[in-house]
Amino acid sequence: MSVLADAQPAALPADAFLGAYKESDAYVDCFVTRVAGEVSHGDFISAFYTTWLFKTERLILRFAASRPSTDEEAIELALGTRDRFAAWKVEQRSADQLLLCDFTGRTRSWLMTVPDPDSDPISTRLYFGSAVVPRIDSITGTPNLGAGFRALLGFHKLYSRLLLRAACANLQRN
C-alpha cells in the first residue's frame, strides 16, 4: 500500500456526518488523501488513533484532562465495541464514517473511508475533519469561536494534515 496523494483540504462529501455542523455556525474542515489498495474503515480508525503523533495528544489528554487511553481502546473503537475513547464519545457511526464529540461538547472529530474501485490501481480515499461549535456571546447573542481558536487555526490545519499522513504511514507498516 502506498500513499497516492498528500493530505489536502477538500470539500466535505455530501453525505458526511460533519455536514450538519457545516450548516450551522460551526467551523468545519475536511482533509483527504488517497492510498493504494482497499482500506477498511476499522483499519483506518485503528491506524489513525495509534499513530506516534496521536499518542502524543493522548499523553497530553491523560495528564491535562485526566482522560487516559490505550492502543487497545483505540482498536475497540475501531471494531465498534467501544463508544468512548480518551476525551471523546461516539456521536454517530456507520460502516464508513465515525463522528466523535469531545467531553466539552465543543469539538468533533470525523473519519471516513471511500473505496475507489474504478481507479487503477484500486485505491481508498481517507477523510479526516473537525468541527468546532461556537459559544454564544452572552452580551451580543452571536456565535463566537473565541480568540484562542482563531490563534491556533493555522496549527490545527497543519496538525490535521500531519495526523492523516501519520495514519497512512501506520497503514503502510501494518
C-alpha atoms as a PDB file:
ATOM      1  CA  MET A   1       0.000   0.000   0.000  1.00  0.00           C
ATOM      2  CA  SER A   2       1.308   3.431  -0.823  1.00  0.00           C
ATOM      3  CA  VAL A   3       0.071   6.963  -0.370  1.00  0.00           C
ATOM      4  CA  LEU A   4      -1.018   8.257  -3.763  1.00  0.00           C
ATOM      5  CA  ALA A   5      -1.627  11.865  -2.702  1.00  0.00           C
ATOM      6  CA  ASP A   6      -0.603  14.225   0.076  1.00  0.00           C
ATOM      7  CA  ALA A   7      -3.251  15.130   2.654  1.00  0.00           C
ATOM      8  CA  GLN A   8      -5.045  18.130   1.199  1.00  0.00           C
ATOM      9  CA  PRO A   9      -8.005  20.317   2.149  1.00  0.00           C
ATOM     10  CA  ALA A  10     -11.145  19.049   0.436  1.00  0.00           C
ATOM     11  CA  ALA A  11     -14.830  19.740   0.085  1.00  0.00           C
ATOM     12  CA  LEU A  12     -16.912  17.858   2.599  1.00  0.00           C
ATOM     13  CA  PRO A  13     -18.631  14.882   0.921  1.00  0.00           C
ATOM     14  CA  ALA A  14     -22.394  15.380   0.609  1.00  0.00           C
ATOM     15  CA  ASP A  15     -23.207  12.520   2.992  1.00  0.00           C
ATOM     16  CA  ALA A  16     -20.575  13.405   5.611  1.00  0.00           C
ATOM     17  CA  PHE A  17     -21.740  13.379   9.227  1.00  0.00           C
ATOM     18  CA  LEU A  18     -19.997  16.754   9.646  1.00  0.00           C
ATOM     19  CA  GLY A  19     -22.468  18.270   7.179  1.00  0.00           C
ATOM     20  CA  ALA A  20     -24.919  19.157   9.957  1.00  0.00           C
ATOM     21  CA  TYR A  21     -22.234  21.297  11.588  1.00  0.00           C
ATOM     22  CA  LYS A  22     -21.299  22.981   8.327  1.00  0.00           C
ATOM     23  CA  GLU A  23     -24.919  24.114   8.020  1.00  0.00           C
ATOM     24  CA  SER A  24     -24.704  25.738  11.466  1.00  0.00           C
ATOM     25  CA  ASP A  25     -22.281  28.416  12.631  1.00  0.00           C
ATOM     26  CA  ALA A  26     -19.561  25.896  13.490  1.00  0.00           C
ATOM     27  CA  TYR A  27     -16.104  25.892  11.964  1.00  0.00           C
ATOM     28  CA  VAL A  28     -15.755  22.767   9.791  1.00  0.00           C
ATOM     29  CA  ASP A  29     -12.767  21.456   7.863  1.00  0.00           C
ATOM     30  CA  CYS A  30     -12.052  18.386   5.784  1.00  0.00           C
ATOM     31  CA  PHE A  31      -8.805  16.827   4.603  1.00  0.00           C
ATOM     32  CA  VAL A  32      -8.352  13.875   2.266  1.00  0.00           C
ATOM     33  CA  THR A  33      -5.641  11.620   0.944  1.00  0.00           C
ATOM     34  CA  ARG A  34      -5.726   8.568  -1.282  1.00  0.00           C
ATOM     35  CA  VAL A  35      -3.925   5.291  -0.653  1.00  0.00           C
ATOM     36  CA  ALA A  36      -3.422   2.347  -2.968  1.00  0.00           C
ATOM     37  CA  GLY A  37      -5.475  -0.715  -2.126  1.00  0.00           C
ATOM     38  CA  GLU A  38      -8.594  -1.347  -0.126  1.00  0.00           C
ATOM     39  CA  VAL A  39      -8.579   0.014   3.427  1.00  0.00           C
ATOM     40  CA  SER A  40     -11.372  -0.921   5.804  1.00  0.00           C
ATOM     41  CA  HIS A  41     -12.884   1.814   7.920  1.00  0.00           C
ATOM     42  CA  GLY A  42     -11.893  -0.037  11.090  1.00  0.00           C
ATOM     43  CA  ASP A  43      -8.283  -0.304   9.942  1.00  0.00           C
ATOM     44  CA  PHE A  44      -8.244   3.446   9.238  1.00  0.00           C
ATOM     45  CA  ILE A  45      -9.646   4.297  12.688  1.00  0.00           C
ATOM     46  CA  SER A  46      -7.161   1.998  14.391  1.00  0.00           C
ATOM     47  CA  ALA A  47      -4.237   3.341  12.359  1.00  0.00           C
ATOM     48  CA  PHE A  48      -5.270   6.957  12.992  1.00  0.00           C
ATOM     49  CA  TYR A  49      -5.622   6.739  16.777  1.00  0.00           C
ATOM     50  CA  THR A  50      -2.481   4.630  17.295  1.00  0.00           C
ATOM     51  CA  THR A  51      -0.015   6.819  15.381  1.00  0.00           C
ATOM     52  CA  TRP A  52       3.004   8.175  17.213  1.00  0.00           C
ATOM     53  CA  LEU A  53       1.585  11.680  16.670  1.00  0.00           C
ATOM     54  CA  PHE A  54      -1.829  10.937  18.118  1.00  0.00           C
ATOM     55  CA  LYS A  55      -0.215   9.086  21.019  1.00  0.00           C
ATOM     56  CA  THR A  56       1.392  12.422  21.886  1.00  0.00           C
ATOM     57  CA  GLU A  57      -2.064  14.018  22.004  1.00  0.00           C
ATOM     58  CA  ARG A  58      -3.309  11.088  24.094  1.00  0.00           C
ATOM     59  CA  LEU A  59      -0.455  11.628  26.562  1.00  0.00           C
ATOM     60  CA  ILE A  60      -1.350  15.304  26.898  1.00  0.00           C
ATOM     61  CA  LEU A  61      -5.014  14.391  27.445  1.00  0.00           C
ATOM     62  CA  ARG A  62      -4.006  11.858  30.078  1.00  0.00           C
ATOM     63  CA  PHE A  63      -2.272  14.451  32.229  1.00  0.00           C
ATOM     64  CA  ALA A  64      -4.028  17.713  31.305  1.00  0.00           C
ATOM     65  CA  ALA A  65      -7.610  16.410  31.259  1.00  0.00           C
ATOM     66  CA  SER A  66      -7.405  13.121  33.208  1.00  0.00           C
ATOM     67  CA  ARG A  67      -8.503  11.234  30.052  1.00  0.00           C
ATOM     68  CA  PRO A  68      -6.130   8.265  29.672  1.00  0.00           C
ATOM     69  CA  SER A  69      -6.397   5.847  26.754  1.00  0.00           C
ATOM     70  CA  THR A  70      -4.620   2.848  25.283  1.00  0.00           C
ATOM     71  CA  ASP A  71      -3.975   1.355  21.864  1.00  0.00           C
ATOM     72  CA  GLU A  72      -6.299  -1.494  22.834  1.00  0.00           C
ATOM     73  CA  GLU A  73      -9.111   1.009  23.436  1.00  0.00           C
ATOM     74  CA  ALA A  74      -8.412   2.600  20.043  1.00  0.00           C
ATOM     75  CA  ILE A  75      -8.747  -0.827  18.439  1.00  0.00           C
ATOM     76  CA  GLU A  76     -12.016  -1.445  20.311  1.00  0.00           C
ATOM     77  CA  LEU A  77     -13.286   1.914  18.999  1.00  0.00           C
ATOM     78  CA  ALA A  78     -12.304   0.804  15.501  1.00  0.00           C
ATOM     79  CA  LEU A  79     -14.112  -2.525  15.954  1.00  0.00           C
ATOM     80  CA  GLY A  80     -17.250  -0.774  17.180  1.00  0.00           C
ATOM     81  CA  THR A  81     -17.138  -2.376  20.626  1.00  0.00           C
ATOM     82  CA  ARG A  82     -16.285   0.879  22.414  1.00  0.00           C
ATOM     83  CA  ASP A  83     -18.192   4.174  22.344  1.00  0.00           C
ATOM     84  CA  ARG A  84     -15.802   6.231  24.495  1.00  0.00           C
ATOM     85  CA  PHE A  85     -12.143   6.825  23.795  1.00  0.00           C
ATOM     86  CA  ALA A  86      -9.838   9.256  25.618  1.00  0.00           C
ATOM     87  CA  ALA A  87     -11.647  12.623  25.569  1.00  0.00           C
ATOM     88  CA  TRP A  88     -14.313  11.577  23.039  1.00  0.00           C
ATOM     89  CA  LYS A  89     -17.563   9.700  22.788  1.00  0.00           C
ATOM     90  CA  VAL A  90     -19.186   8.374  19.632  1.00  0.00           C
ATOM     91  CA  GLU A  91     -21.835  10.738  18.335  1.00  0.00           C
ATOM     92  CA  GLN A  92     -22.568   8.875  15.114  1.00  0.00           C
ATOM     93  CA  ARG A  93     -21.205   5.749  13.453  1.00  0.00           C
ATOM     94  CA  SER A  94     -21.775   3.893  10.182  1.00  0.00           C
ATOM     95  CA  ALA A  95     -19.882   1.328   8.130  1.00  0.00           C
ATOM     96  CA  ASP A  96     -17.690   4.051   6.594  1.00  0.00           C
ATOM     97  CA  GLN A  97     -17.863   7.025   8.988  1.00  0.00           C
ATOM     98  CA  LEU A  98     -17.171   7.840  12.623  1.00  0.00           C
ATOM     99  CA  LEU A  99     -18.069  11.120  14.325  1.00  0.00           C
ATOM    100  CA  LEU A 100     -16.734  11.749  17.819  1.00  0.00           C
ATOM    101  CA  CYS A 101     -17.677  14.537  20.246  1.00  0.00           C
ATOM    102  CA  ASP A 102     -15.207  15.722  22.873  1.00  0.00           C
ATOM    103  CA  PHE A 103     -16.118  15.817  26.571  1.00  0.00           C
ATOM    104  CA  THR A 104     -16.738  19.590  26.461  1.00  0.00           C
ATOM    105  CA  GLY A 105     -19.209  19.297  23.582  1.00  0.00           C
ATOM    106  CA  ARG A 106     -17.338  21.944  21.592  1.00  0.00           C
ATOM    107  CA  THR A 107     -15.351  19.894  19.081  1.00  0.00           C
ATOM    108  CA  ARG A 108     -15.998  16.997  16.738  1.00  0.00           C
ATOM    109  CA  SER A 109     -13.569  14.653  15.013  1.00  0.00           C
ATOM    110  CA  TRP A 110     -14.676  12.768  11.923  1.00  0.00           C
ATOM    111  CA  LEU A 111     -13.159   9.921   9.899  1.00  0.00           C
ATOM    112  CA  MET A 112     -14.485   8.479   6.629  1.00  0.00           C
ATOM    113  CA  THR A 113     -13.284   5.925   4.083  1.00  0.00           C
ATOM    114  CA  VAL A 114     -14.440   5.851   0.475  1.00  0.00           C
ATOM    115  CA  PRO A 115     -13.304   2.981  -1.765  1.00  0.00           C
ATOM    116  CA  ASP A 116     -12.460   3.927  -5.328  1.00  0.00           C
ATOM    117  CA  PRO A 117     -12.695   0.572  -7.162  1.00  0.00           C
ATOM    118  CA  ASP A 118     -12.614   2.209 -10.607  1.00  0.00           C
ATOM    119  CA  SER A 119      -9.165   3.686 -10.041  1.00  0.00           C
ATOM    120  CA  ASP A 120      -6.091   1.983 -11.411  1.00  0.00           C
ATOM    121  CA  PRO A 121      -4.721   0.728  -9.111  1.00  0.00           C
ATOM    122  CA  ILE A 122      -7.698   0.276  -6.761  1.00  0.00           C
ATOM    123  CA  SER A 123      -7.482   2.882  -4.028  1.00  0.00           C
ATOM    124  CA  THR A 124      -9.249   4.250  -0.980  1.00  0.00           C
ATOM    125  CA  ARG A 125      -9.856   7.891  -0.086  1.00  0.00           C
ATOM    126  CA  LEU A 126      -9.278   8.606   3.602  1.00  0.00           C
ATOM    127  CA  TYR A 127     -11.008  11.657   5.079  1.00  0.00           C
ATOM    128  CA  PHE A 128     -10.413  13.434   8.369  1.00  0.00           C
ATOM    129  CA  GLY A 129     -12.250  16.515   9.503  1.00  0.00           C
ATOM    130  CA  SER A 130     -13.144  18.577  12.520  1.00  0.00           C
ATOM    131  CA  ALA A 131     -15.897  20.847  13.702  1.00  0.00           C
ATOM    132  CA  VAL A 132     -15.674  23.489  16.405  1.00  0.00           C
ATOM    133  CA  VAL A 133     -19.011  24.599  17.804  1.00  0.00           C
ATOM    134  CA  PRO A 134     -19.054  28.284  18.780  1.00  0.00           C
ATOM    135  CA  ARG A 135     -20.149  29.608  22.132  1.00  0.00           C
ATOM    136  CA  ILE A 136     -22.959  32.125  22.151  1.00  0.00           C
ATOM    137  CA  ASP A 137     -21.696  35.507  23.339  1.00  0.00           C
ATOM    138  CA  SER A 138     -23.757  36.380  26.418  1.00  0.00           C
ATOM    139  CA  ILE A 139     -23.738  40.097  25.570  1.00  0.00           C
ATOM    140  CA  THR A 140     -24.357  40.109  21.821  1.00  0.00           C
ATOM    141  CA  GLY A 141     -26.076  36.746  21.445  1.00  0.00           C
ATOM    142  CA  THR A 142     -23.886  35.970  18.450  1.00  0.00           C
ATOM    143  CA  PRO A 143     -21.834  32.803  17.924  1.00  0.00           C
ATOM    144  CA  ASN A 144     -18.150  33.177  18.763  1.00  0.00           C
ATOM    145  CA  LEU A 145     -15.392  30.606  18.246  1.00  0.00           C
ATOM    146  CA  GLY A 146     -13.030  32.535  20.518  1.00  0.00           C
ATOM    147  CA  ALA A 147      -9.674  34.212  20.141  1.00  0.00           C
ATOM    148  CA  GLY A 148      -7.782  31.083  21.230  1.00  0.00           C
ATOM    149  CA  PHE A 149      -9.268  29.010  18.425  1.00  0.00           C
ATOM    150  CA  ARG A 150      -8.563  31.715  15.841  1.00  0.00           C
ATOM    151  CA  ALA A 151      -4.973  31.996  17.085  1.00  0.00           C
ATOM    152  CA  LEU A 152      -4.427  28.239  16.760  1.00  0.00           C
ATOM    153  CA  LEU A 153      -6.274  27.697  13.464  1.00  0.00           C
ATOM    154  CA  GLY A 154      -3.104  27.551  11.346  1.00  0.00           C
ATOM    155  CA  PHE A 155      -1.575  24.981  13.696  1.00  0.00           C
ATOM    156  CA  HIS A 156      -4.841  22.994  13.710  1.00  0.00           C
ATOM    157  CA  LYS A 157      -4.865  22.732   9.917  1.00  0.00           C
ATOM    158  CA  LEU A 158      -1.233  21.629   9.787  1.00  0.00           C
ATOM    159  CA  TYR A 159      -1.763  19.154  12.631  1.00  0.00           C
ATOM    160  CA  SER A 160      -4.822  17.685  10.873  1.00  0.00           C
ATOM    161  CA  ARG A 161      -2.818  17.052   7.715  1.00  0.00           C
ATOM    162  CA  LEU A 162       0.043  15.534   9.708  1.00  0.00           C
ATOM    163  CA  LEU A 163      -2.366  13.232  11.568  1.00  0.00           C
ATOM    164  CA  LEU A 164      -3.787  11.986   8.275  1.00  0.00           C
ATOM    165  CA  ARG A 165      -0.300  11.380   6.873  1.00  0.00           C
ATOM    166  CA  ALA A 166       0.756   9.582  10.057  1.00  0.00           C
ATOM    167  CA  ALA A 167      -2.296   7.317   9.762  1.00  0.00           C
ATOM    168  CA  CYS A 168      -1.268   6.466   6.198  1.00  0.00           C
ATOM    169  CA  ALA A 169       2.233   5.622   7.389  1.00  0.00           C
ATOM    170  CA  ASN A 170       0.721   3.396  10.095  1.00  0.00           C
ATOM    171  CA  LEU A 171      -1.415   1.628   7.485  1.00  0.00           C
ATOM    172  CA  GLN A 172       1.650   1.036   5.304  1.00  0.00           C
ATOM    173  CA  ARG A 173       3.571  -0.500   8.220  1.00  0.00           C
ATOM    174  CA  ASN A 174       0.709  -2.815   9.119  1.00  0.00           C
END
